[in-house]
């Protein structure tokens, strides 16, 4: 499959979502320098949809990442490349870039059945949780993989280390 076809505009993603019959799961993030922790999160998110479920990933645009304060040199990988790498994962069915500071507009437009985020986010800090639960959906926090973070990886690379 051409994984680039999984990358959709908001309008195309909304039409795609409307055609889905199974459980639609949503997660979002930067996914800069994809690592095992990202893969585990995405696989766990996809599993929340069960058989026939689908996973939509909201991906922060480069401008959005810079506004998040992750550093002047972030993201390391440009948005189109990050989108293509995330789309190439078997667990992912749809990737939508978003330029806002939060994915709230995207969540409202796609109306997922399940919202998944890493457990590093406090329940009351999960953007879109009230909306998803308001239309009868579920919110799931997935445990993180210890020692796996892009920030730590970037720092290790700056120091010239590989482990």
C-alpha atoms as a PDB file:
ATOM      1  CA  UNK A   1       0.000   0.000   0.000  1.00  0.00           C
ATOM      2  CA  UNK A   2       1.106   3.544  -0.693  1.00  0.00           C
ATOM      3  CA  UNK A   3       1.445   4.835   2.850  1.00  0.00           C
ATOM      4  CA  UNK A   4       1.263   8.437   1.632  1.00  0.00           C
ATOM      5  CA  UNK A   5      -2.424   7.741   0.913  1.00  0.00           C
ATOM      6  CA  UNK A   6      -2.989   7.426   4.679  1.00  0.00           C
ATOM      7  CA  UNK A   7      -2.051  11.101   5.104  1.00  0.00           C
ATOM      8  CA  UNK A   8      -5.249  13.104   4.791  1.00  0.00           C
ATOM      9  CA  UNK A   9      -6.417  16.684   5.076  1.00  0.00           C
ATOM     10  CA  UNK A  10      -8.976  17.401   7.758  1.00  0.00           C
ATOM     11  CA  UNK A  11     -11.744  17.397   5.164  1.00  0.00           C
ATOM     12  CA  UNK A  12     -10.640  14.081   3.650  1.00  0.00           C
ATOM     13  CA  UNK A  13     -10.188  12.579   7.122  1.00  0.00           C
ATOM     14  CA  UNK A  14     -13.716  13.629   8.119  1.00  0.00           C
ATOM     15  CA  UNK A  15     -15.150  11.931   5.025  1.00  0.00           C
ATOM     16  CA  UNK A  16     -13.001   8.845   5.676  1.00  0.00           C
ATOM     17  CA  UNK A  17     -14.131   8.786   9.310  1.00  0.00           C
ATOM     18  CA  UNK A  18     -17.806   8.970   8.307  1.00  0.00           C
ATOM     19  CA  UNK A  19     -17.325   5.811   6.231  1.00  0.00           C
ATOM     20  CA  UNK A  20     -15.848   3.804   9.139  1.00  0.00           C
ATOM     21  CA  UNK A  21     -18.108   1.179  10.726  1.00  0.00           C
ATOM     22  CA  UNK A  22     -15.796  -0.022  13.488  1.00  0.00           C
ATOM     23  CA  UNK A  23     -14.443   1.767  16.535  1.00  0.00           C
ATOM     24  CA  UNK A  24     -12.384   4.834  15.625  1.00  0.00           C
ATOM     25  CA  UNK A  25      -9.488   5.570  17.975  1.00  0.00           C
ATOM     26  CA  UNK A  26      -7.653   8.887  18.048  1.00  0.00           C
ATOM     27  CA  UNK A  27      -4.286   9.867  19.445  1.00  0.00           C
ATOM     28  CA  UNK A  28      -1.995  12.745  18.695  1.00  0.00           C
ATOM     29  CA  UNK A  29       1.545  13.934  19.130  1.00  0.00           C
ATOM     30  CA  UNK A  30       4.710  15.239  17.555  1.00  0.00           C
ATOM     31  CA  UNK A  31       6.295  11.837  16.808  1.00  0.00           C
ATOM     32  CA  UNK A  32       9.685  13.412  16.122  1.00  0.00           C
ATOM     33  CA  UNK A  33      12.486  10.827  15.842  1.00  0.00           C
ATOM     34  CA  UNK A  34      10.126   7.889  16.092  1.00  0.00           C
ATOM     35  CA  UNK A  35      11.195   5.396  18.770  1.00  0.00           C
ATOM     36  CA  UNK A  36       9.942   2.241  20.472  1.00  0.00           C
ATOM     37  CA  UNK A  37       7.852   4.178  22.976  1.00  0.00           C
ATOM     38  CA  UNK A  38       5.941   5.803  20.117  1.00  0.00           C
ATOM     39  CA  UNK A  39       5.378   2.437  18.467  1.00  0.00           C
ATOM     40  CA  UNK A  40       4.097   0.921  21.709  1.00  0.00           C
ATOM     41  CA  UNK A  41       1.681   3.831  22.209  1.00  0.00           C
ATOM     42  CA  UNK A  42       0.354   3.541  18.659  1.00  0.00           C
ATOM     43  CA  UNK A  43      -0.052  -0.235  18.881  1.00  0.00           C
ATOM     44  CA  UNK A  44      -1.840   0.073  22.235  1.00  0.00           C
ATOM     45  CA  UNK A  45      -4.084   2.782  20.791  1.00  0.00           C
ATOM     46  CA  UNK A  46      -4.975   0.622  17.800  1.00  0.00           C
ATOM     47  CA  UNK A  47      -5.786  -2.306  20.105  1.00  0.00           C
ATOM     48  CA  UNK A  48      -8.394  -0.127  21.845  1.00  0.00           C
ATOM     49  CA  UNK A  49     -10.404  -0.270  18.608  1.00  0.00           C
ATOM     50  CA  UNK A  50     -10.662  -4.050  18.655  1.00  0.00           C
ATOM     51  CA  UNK A  51     -11.233  -6.112  15.523  1.00  0.00           C
ATOM     52  CA  UNK A  52     -12.333  -3.828  12.719  1.00  0.00           C
ATOM     53  CA  UNK A  53     -11.231  -0.703  14.562  1.00  0.00           C
ATOM     54  CA  UNK A  54      -9.108   2.045  13.071  1.00  0.00           C
ATOM     55  CA  UNK A  55      -6.507   4.468  14.391  1.00  0.00           C
ATOM     56  CA  UNK A  56      -6.286   8.139  13.473  1.00  0.00           C
ATOM     57  CA  UNK A  57      -3.141  10.026  14.454  1.00  0.00           C
ATOM     58  CA  UNK A  58      -3.219  13.800  14.742  1.00  0.00           C
ATOM     59  CA  UNK A  59       0.301  15.045  14.028  1.00  0.00           C
ATOM     60  CA  UNK A  60       1.496  18.476  15.143  1.00  0.00           C
ATOM     61  CA  UNK A  61       2.713  20.626  12.261  1.00  0.00           C
ATOM     62  CA  UNK A  62       6.219  22.057  12.462  1.00  0.00           C
ATOM     63  CA  UNK A  63       4.816  25.471  13.477  1.00  0.00           C
ATOM     64  CA  UNK A  64       2.705  23.854  16.186  1.00  0.00           C
ATOM     65  CA  UNK A  65       5.745  22.005  17.549  1.00  0.00           C
ATOM     66  CA  UNK A  66       7.737  25.223  17.754  1.00  0.00           C
ATOM     67  CA  UNK A  67       4.926  26.885  19.706  1.00  0.00           C
ATOM     68  CA  UNK A  68       4.927  23.970  22.163  1.00  0.00           C
ATOM     69  CA  UNK A  69       8.350  25.135  23.341  1.00  0.00           C
ATOM     70  CA  UNK A  70      10.247  21.934  22.589  1.00  0.00           C
ATOM     71  CA  UNK A  71      13.251  23.982  21.469  1.00  0.00           C
ATOM     72  CA  UNK A  72      14.358  26.089  18.524  1.00  0.00           C
ATOM     73  CA  UNK A  73      15.819  23.040  16.791  1.00  0.00           C
ATOM     74  CA  UNK A  74      12.641  20.968  17.029  1.00  0.00           C
ATOM     75  CA  UNK A  75      11.182  19.214  15.309  1.00  0.00           C
ATOM     76  CA  UNK A  76      14.263  17.427  14.035  1.00  0.00           C
ATOM     77  CA  UNK A  77      12.236  15.769  11.274  1.00  0.00           C
ATOM     78  CA  UNK A  78       9.958  17.921   9.083  1.00  0.00           C
ATOM     79  CA  UNK A  79       6.191  17.423   9.285  1.00  0.00           C
ATOM     80  CA  UNK A  80       5.731  15.707   5.909  1.00  0.00           C
ATOM     81  CA  UNK A  81       8.495  13.213   6.712  1.00  0.00           C
ATOM     82  CA  UNK A  82       7.115  12.580  10.213  1.00  0.00           C
ATOM     83  CA  UNK A  83       3.657  12.041   8.723  1.00  0.00           C
ATOM     84  CA  UNK A  84       5.005   9.565   6.177  1.00  0.00           C
ATOM     85  CA  UNK A  85       6.916   7.555   8.798  1.00  0.00           C
ATOM     86  CA  UNK A  86       3.901   7.376  11.145  1.00  0.00           C
ATOM     87  CA  UNK A  87       1.629   6.444   8.219  1.00  0.00           C
ATOM     88  CA  UNK A  88       3.974   3.580   7.336  1.00  0.00           C
ATOM     89  CA  UNK A  89       3.221   1.834  10.618  1.00  0.00           C
ATOM     90  CA  UNK A  90       0.752  -1.043  10.356  1.00  0.00           C
ATOM     91  CA  UNK A  91      -1.163   0.168  13.432  1.00  0.00           C
ATOM     92  CA  UNK A  92      -2.000   3.511  11.796  1.00  0.00           C
ATOM     93  CA  UNK A  93      -4.875   3.981   9.366  1.00  0.00           C
ATOM     94  CA  UNK A  94      -4.983   7.753   8.988  1.00  0.00           C
ATOM     95  CA  UNK A  95      -2.649  10.669   9.734  1.00  0.00           C
ATOM     96  CA  UNK A  96      -3.848  14.269   9.850  1.00  0.00           C
ATOM     97  CA  UNK A  97      -1.501  17.215  10.323  1.00  0.00           C
ATOM     98  CA  UNK A  98      -2.841  19.989  12.515  1.00  0.00           C
ATOM     99  CA  UNK A  99      -1.477  23.506  12.980  1.00  0.00           C
ATOM    100  CA  UNK A 100      -3.380  24.494  16.117  1.00  0.00           C
ATOM    101  CA  UNK A 101      -1.807  24.447  19.558  1.00  0.00           C
ATOM    102  CA  UNK A 102      -4.088  21.553  20.526  1.00  0.00           C
ATOM    103  CA  UNK A 103      -5.931  18.863  18.556  1.00  0.00           C
ATOM    104  CA  UNK A 104      -9.345  19.936  19.895  1.00  0.00           C
ATOM    105  CA  UNK A 105     -10.745  21.091  16.539  1.00  0.00           C
ATOM    106  CA  UNK A 106      -9.542  17.856  14.948  1.00  0.00           C
ATOM    107  CA  UNK A 107     -11.115  15.750  17.696  1.00  0.00           C
ATOM    108  CA  UNK A 108     -14.400  17.623  17.355  1.00  0.00           C
ATOM    109  CA  UNK A 109     -14.387  17.171  13.583  1.00  0.00           C
ATOM    110  CA  UNK A 110     -13.540  13.446  13.662  1.00  0.00           C
ATOM    111  CA  UNK A 111     -15.591  12.466  16.732  1.00  0.00           C
ATOM    112  CA  UNK A 112     -13.521   9.412  17.698  1.00  0.00           C
ATOM    113  CA  UNK A 113     -14.992   6.658  19.837  1.00  0.00           C
ATOM    114  CA  UNK A 114     -11.806   6.400  21.907  1.00  0.00           C
ATOM    115  CA  UNK A 115      -9.191   9.017  22.809  1.00  0.00           C
ATOM    116  CA  UNK A 116      -5.758   7.629  23.746  1.00  0.00           C
ATOM    117  CA  UNK A 117      -2.801   9.487  25.257  1.00  0.00           C
ATOM    118  CA  UNK A 118       0.302   8.539  27.176  1.00  0.00           C
ATOM    119  CA  UNK A 119      -0.022   8.204  30.933  1.00  0.00           C
ATOM    120  CA  UNK A 120       2.339  11.162  31.362  1.00  0.00           C
ATOM    121  CA  UNK A 121      -0.731  13.347  30.800  1.00  0.00           C
ATOM    122  CA  UNK A 122      -2.955  13.873  33.833  1.00  0.00           C
ATOM    123  CA  UNK A 123      -6.561  12.878  33.175  1.00  0.00           C
ATOM    124  CA  UNK A 124      -7.815  16.442  33.659  1.00  0.00           C
ATOM    125  CA  UNK A 125      -5.190  17.758  31.205  1.00  0.00           C
ATOM    126  CA  UNK A 126      -6.303  15.596  28.270  1.00  0.00           C
ATOM    127  CA  UNK A 127      -7.511  17.853  25.489  1.00  0.00           C
ATOM    128  CA  UNK A 128     -10.762  16.536  24.052  1.00  0.00           C
ATOM    129  CA  UNK A 129     -11.519  14.105  26.883  1.00  0.00           C
ATOM    130  CA  UNK A 130     -14.730  15.864  27.928  1.00  0.00           C
ATOM    131  CA  UNK A 131     -15.909  16.013  24.322  1.00  0.00           C
ATOM    132  CA  UNK A 132     -15.218  12.333  23.614  1.00  0.00           C
ATOM    133  CA  UNK A 133     -16.914  11.228  26.815  1.00  0.00           C
ATOM    134  CA  UNK A 134     -19.750  13.657  26.080  1.00  0.00           C
ATOM    135  CA  UNK A 135     -20.693  11.785  22.920  1.00  0.00           C
ATOM    136  CA  UNK A 136     -20.355   8.406  24.661  1.00  0.00           C
ATOM    137  CA  UNK A 137     -16.726   7.611  23.938  1.00  0.00           C
ATOM    138  CA  UNK A 138     -13.900   6.436  26.167  1.00  0.00           C
ATOM    139  CA  UNK A 139     -10.607   7.972  27.271  1.00  0.00           C
ATOM    140  CA  UNK A 140      -7.575   5.702  27.779  1.00  0.00           C
ATOM    141  CA  UNK A 141      -4.156   6.570  29.198  1.00  0.00           C
ATOM    142  CA  UNK A 142      -1.384   4.191  28.086  1.00  0.00           C
ATOM    143  CA  UNK A 143       1.676   3.555  30.295  1.00  0.00           C
ATOM    144  CA  UNK A 144       4.932   4.963  28.946  1.00  0.00           C
ATOM    145  CA  UNK A 145       8.007   2.931  28.075  1.00  0.00           C
ATOM    146  CA  UNK A 146      10.706   3.812  30.610  1.00  0.00           C
ATOM    147  CA  UNK A 147      13.670   5.629  29.133  1.00  0.00           C
ATOM    148  CA  UNK A 148      12.002   6.289  25.778  1.00  0.00           C
ATOM    149  CA  UNK A 149      11.602   9.951  24.836  1.00  0.00           C
ATOM    150  CA  UNK A 150      12.561  12.048  21.853  1.00  0.00           C
ATOM    151  CA  UNK A 151      13.923  14.774  24.124  1.00  0.00           C
ATOM    152  CA  UNK A 152      16.263  12.282  25.808  1.00  0.00           C
ATOM    153  CA  UNK A 153      17.266  10.880  22.416  1.00  0.00           C
ATOM    154  CA  UNK A 154      18.097  14.355  21.063  1.00  0.00           C
ATOM    155  CA  UNK A 155      20.171  15.123  24.161  1.00  0.00           C
ATOM    156  CA  UNK A 156      22.051  11.831  23.851  1.00  0.00           C
ATOM    157  CA  UNK A 157      22.794  12.550  20.188  1.00  0.00           C
ATOM    158  CA  UNK A 158      24.062  16.038  21.063  1.00  0.00           C
ATOM    159  CA  UNK A 159      26.507  14.477  23.503  1.00  0.00           C
ATOM    160  CA  UNK A 160      27.663  12.067  20.812  1.00  0.00           C
ATOM    161  CA  UNK A 161      26.365   9.029  22.669  1.00  0.00           C
ATOM    162  CA  UNK A 162      24.533   6.063  21.244  1.00  0.00           C
ATOM    163  CA  UNK A 163      23.145   4.432  24.388  1.00  0.00           C
END
